[in-house]
C-alpha atoms as a PDB file:
ATOM      1  CA  MET A   1      -5.764 -31.701 -50.485  1.00  0.00           C
ATOM      2  CA  PRO A   2      -7.239 -29.087 -47.976  1.00  0.00           C
ATOM      3  CA  ARG A   3      -9.428 -26.679 -49.415  1.00  0.00           C
ATOM      4  CA  VAL A   4      -8.521 -22.876 -47.699  1.00  0.00           C
ATOM      5  CA  LEU A   5     -11.069 -20.224 -48.377  1.00  0.00           C
ATOM      6  CA  VAL A   6      -9.425 -16.807 -48.069  1.00  0.00           C
ATOM      7  CA  ILE A   7     -11.734 -13.754 -47.759  1.00  0.00           C
ATOM      8  CA  ASP A   8      -9.629 -10.462 -47.878  1.00  0.00           C
ATOM      9  CA  ASP A   9     -10.287  -7.201 -49.902  1.00  0.00           C
ATOM     10  CA  ASP A  10      -6.663  -6.865 -50.681  1.00  0.00           C
ATOM     11  CA  GLU A  11      -6.021  -8.196 -54.163  1.00  0.00           C
ATOM     12  CA  MET A  12      -2.165  -8.353 -53.364  1.00  0.00           C
ATOM     13  CA  VAL A  13      -2.632 -10.321 -50.276  1.00  0.00           C
ATOM     14  CA  LEU A  14      -5.136 -12.615 -52.062  1.00  0.00           C
ATOM     15  CA  ALA A  15      -2.517 -13.532 -54.702  1.00  0.00           C
ATOM     16  CA  LEU A  16       0.469 -14.024 -52.182  1.00  0.00           C
ATOM     17  CA  VAL A  17      -1.611 -16.099 -50.015  1.00  0.00           C
ATOM     18  CA  GLN A  18      -2.984 -18.034 -52.900  1.00  0.00           C
ATOM     19  CA  ARG A  19       0.658 -18.910 -54.366  1.00  0.00           C
ATOM     20  CA  ILE A  20       1.999 -19.668 -50.918  1.00  0.00           C
ATOM     21  CA  LEU A  21      -0.959 -21.805 -49.778  1.00  0.00           C
ATOM     22  CA  SER A  22      -0.667 -23.469 -53.538  1.00  0.00           C
ATOM     23  CA  LEU A  23       3.126 -24.238 -53.123  1.00  0.00           C
ATOM     24  CA  GLU A  24       2.105 -25.892 -49.727  1.00  0.00           C
ATOM     25  CA  GLY A  25      -0.129 -28.264 -51.419  1.00  0.00           C
ATOM     26  CA  PHE A  26      -3.433 -26.431 -50.392  1.00  0.00           C
ATOM     27  CA  GLU A  27      -6.516 -26.102 -52.760  1.00  0.00           C
ATOM     28  CA  THR A  28      -7.192 -22.380 -52.563  1.00  0.00           C
ATOM     29  CA  LEU A  29     -10.306 -20.612 -52.919  1.00  0.00           C
ATOM     30  CA  THR A  30     -10.339 -16.805 -52.943  1.00  0.00           C
ATOM     31  CA  THR A  31     -12.668 -13.682 -52.668  1.00  0.00           C
ATOM     32  CA  ALA A  32     -12.650 -10.125 -51.870  1.00  0.00           C
ATOM     33  CA  ASP A  33     -15.832  -9.382 -49.993  1.00  0.00           C
ATOM     34  CA  GLY A  34     -17.883 -10.969 -47.336  1.00  0.00           C
ATOM     35  CA  PRO A  35     -21.190 -12.056 -49.487  1.00  0.00           C
ATOM     36  CA  GLN A  36     -19.214 -13.738 -52.020  1.00  0.00           C
ATOM     37  CA  GLY A  37     -17.113 -15.338 -49.194  1.00  0.00           C
ATOM     38  CA  LEU A  38     -20.309 -16.760 -47.583  1.00  0.00           C
ATOM     39  CA  ALA A  39     -21.410 -18.296 -50.973  1.00  0.00           C
ATOM     40  CA  LEU A  40     -18.228 -19.811 -51.596  1.00  0.00           C
ATOM     41  CA  PHE A  41     -18.377 -21.215 -47.810  1.00  0.00           C
ATOM     42  CA  LYS A  42     -21.861 -22.581 -48.577  1.00  0.00           C
ATOM     43  CA  GLU A  43     -20.785 -24.019 -52.048  1.00  0.00           C
ATOM     44  CA  ARG A  44     -17.547 -25.308 -51.812  1.00  0.00           C
ATOM     45  CA  ASN A  45     -17.216 -26.472 -47.553  1.00  0.00           C
ATOM     46  CA  PRO A  46     -13.647 -25.511 -47.045  1.00  0.00           C
ATOM     47  CA  ASP A  47     -11.759 -27.126 -44.349  1.00  0.00           C
ATOM     48  CA  ILE A  48     -10.357 -23.660 -43.176  1.00  0.00           C
ATOM     49  CA  VAL A  49     -11.249 -19.963 -43.730  1.00  0.00           C
ATOM     50  CA  LEU A  50      -8.782 -17.362 -43.617  1.00  0.00           C
ATOM     51  CA  LEU A  51     -10.769 -14.181 -43.039  1.00  0.00           C
ATOM     52  CA  ASP A  52      -9.983 -10.348 -42.870  1.00  0.00           C
ATOM     53  CA  LEU A  53     -11.996  -8.138 -40.629  1.00  0.00           C
ATOM     54  CA  ALA A  54     -12.355  -5.046 -42.985  1.00  0.00           C
ATOM     55  CA  LEU A  55     -14.276  -6.095 -45.771  1.00  0.00           C
ATOM     56  CA  PRO A  56     -16.665  -4.445 -48.182  1.00  0.00           C
ATOM     57  CA  GLY A  57     -20.336  -5.356 -48.299  1.00  0.00           C
ATOM     58  CA  MET A  58     -20.029  -7.096 -45.042  1.00  0.00           C
ATOM     59  CA  ASN A  59     -17.590  -6.963 -42.155  1.00  0.00           C
ATOM     60  CA  GLY A  60     -15.410  -9.784 -41.247  1.00  0.00           C
ATOM     61  CA  LEU A  61     -17.102 -10.374 -38.087  1.00  0.00           C
ATOM     62  CA  GLU A  62     -20.512 -10.509 -39.494  1.00  0.00           C
ATOM     63  CA  VAL A  63     -19.073 -13.043 -41.998  1.00  0.00           C
ATOM     64  CA  LEU A  64     -17.692 -15.342 -38.900  1.00  0.00           C
ATOM     65  CA  ARG A  65     -21.063 -15.187 -37.446  1.00  0.00           C
ATOM     66  CA  ARG A  66     -22.676 -16.171 -40.137  1.00  0.00           C
ATOM     67  CA  ILE A  67     -20.127 -18.960 -40.935  1.00  0.00           C
ATOM     68  CA  ARG A  68     -20.373 -20.206 -37.265  1.00  0.00           C
ATOM     69  CA  HIS A  69     -24.164 -20.341 -37.835  1.00  0.00           C
ATOM     70  CA  LEU A  70     -23.848 -22.472 -40.939  1.00  0.00           C
ATOM     71  CA  ASP A  71     -21.196 -24.722 -39.294  1.00  0.00           C
ATOM     72  CA  GLU A  72     -20.473 -24.255 -35.663  1.00  0.00           C
ATOM     73  CA  LYS A  73     -17.179 -26.565 -36.180  1.00  0.00           C
ATOM     74  CA  ALA A  74     -15.896 -24.363 -39.099  1.00  0.00           C
ATOM     75  CA  LYS A  75     -12.260 -23.583 -38.588  1.00  0.00           C
ATOM     76  CA  VAL A  76     -12.026 -19.749 -39.081  1.00  0.00           C
ATOM     77  CA  ILE A  77      -8.573 -17.852 -38.511  1.00  0.00           C
ATOM     78  CA  VAL A  78      -8.972 -14.249 -38.784  1.00  0.00           C
ATOM     79  CA  VAL A  79      -5.864 -12.418 -40.381  1.00  0.00           C
ATOM     80  CA  THR A  80      -6.260  -8.571 -40.230  1.00  0.00           C
ATOM     81  CA  GLY A  81      -3.952  -5.423 -40.557  1.00  0.00           C
ATOM     82  CA  SER A  82      -6.360  -3.644 -38.125  1.00  0.00           C
ATOM     83  CA  GLY A  83      -5.867  -5.876 -35.259  1.00  0.00           C
ATOM     84  CA  SER A  84      -5.909  -4.744 -31.692  1.00  0.00           C
ATOM     85  CA  ASP A  85      -6.346  -6.794 -28.464  1.00  0.00           C
ATOM     86  CA  GLU A  86      -9.724  -5.953 -28.411  1.00  0.00           C
ATOM     87  CA  SER A  87     -10.640  -7.201 -31.952  1.00  0.00           C
ATOM     88  CA  ALA A  88      -8.819 -10.234 -31.393  1.00  0.00           C
ATOM     89  CA  GLU A  89     -11.002 -11.074 -27.979  1.00  0.00           C
ATOM     90  CA  VAL A  90     -13.976 -10.451 -29.908  1.00  0.00           C
ATOM     91  CA  ALA A  91     -13.078 -12.561 -32.881  1.00  0.00           C
ATOM     92  CA  LEU A  92     -12.338 -15.644 -30.645  1.00  0.00           C
ATOM     93  CA  ARG A  93     -15.605 -14.875 -28.965  1.00  0.00           C
ATOM     94  CA  TYR A  94     -17.383 -15.147 -32.275  1.00  0.00           C
ATOM     95  CA  GLY A  95     -15.599 -18.476 -32.726  1.00  0.00           C
ATOM     96  CA  ALA A  96     -12.384 -17.936 -34.676  1.00  0.00           C
ATOM     97  CA  CYS A  97      -9.786 -20.688 -33.927  1.00  0.00           C
ATOM     98  CA  ASP A  98      -7.018 -18.160 -34.123  1.00  0.00           C
ATOM     99  CA  PHE A  99      -6.070 -14.398 -34.624  1.00  0.00           C
ATOM    100  CA  VAL A 100      -3.339 -13.344 -36.862  1.00  0.00           C
ATOM    101  CA  ARG A 101      -1.925  -9.686 -37.531  1.00  0.00           C
ATOM    102  CA  LYS A 102      -0.530  -8.765 -40.571  1.00  0.00           C
ATOM    103  CA  PRO A 103       2.083  -8.274 -41.878  1.00  0.00           C
ATOM    104  CA  VAL A 104       2.277 -12.093 -41.173  1.00  0.00           C
ATOM    105  CA  ASP A 105       5.256 -14.199 -40.934  1.00  0.00           C
ATOM    106  CA  TYR A 106       4.374 -16.715 -43.555  1.00  0.00           C
ATOM    107  CA  ALA A 107       6.183 -19.842 -42.056  1.00  0.00           C
ATOM    108  CA  ASP A 108       4.232 -19.336 -38.990  1.00  0.00           C
ATOM    109  CA  PHE A 109       1.198 -18.560 -40.946  1.00  0.00           C
ATOM    110  CA  VAL A 110       1.305 -22.042 -42.908  1.00  0.00           C
ATOM    111  CA  ARG A 111       2.059 -23.793 -39.363  1.00  0.00           C
ATOM    112  CA  ARG A 112      -0.999 -22.123 -37.866  1.00  0.00           C
ATOM    113  CA  ILE A 113      -3.156 -23.405 -40.678  1.00  0.00           C
ATOM    114  CA  LYS A 114      -1.911 -26.784 -40.554  1.00  0.00           C
ATOM    115  CA  ALA A 115      -2.529 -26.714 -36.811  1.00  0.00           C
ATOM    116  CA  ALA A 116      -6.037 -25.708 -37.251  1.00  0.00           C
ATOM    117  CA  LEU A 117      -6.735 -28.298 -39.894  1.00  0.00           C
ATOM    118  CA  PRO A 118      -8.673 -31.413 -38.757  1.00  0.00           C
ATOM    119  CA  VAL A 119      -6.413 -34.441 -38.299  1.00  0.00           C
END
């Protein structure tokens, strides 16, 4: 069962994504802030991280930078409502494997997650 870490400050988004991914057969870990997300990343070694950019405590780009420092092969998909072309470019330069703008199409979202997972 693939393990997904979702880091997003919107509790409704966390609950919805957790439900959708659980129905798809994923183990889902969730947190609403960057520092806790890093701690969960270190403790639970997820297969993929879904990361919002606007987070309390530490912004998503800093979380992404630190995750990549811990594991240069970590799979991180940035998922954000404040997504501009510039923020997408920056996230990809920081090592994100994909960038998704909210609101997401959940079928496409699940397809992207599955595509990013190691074979």
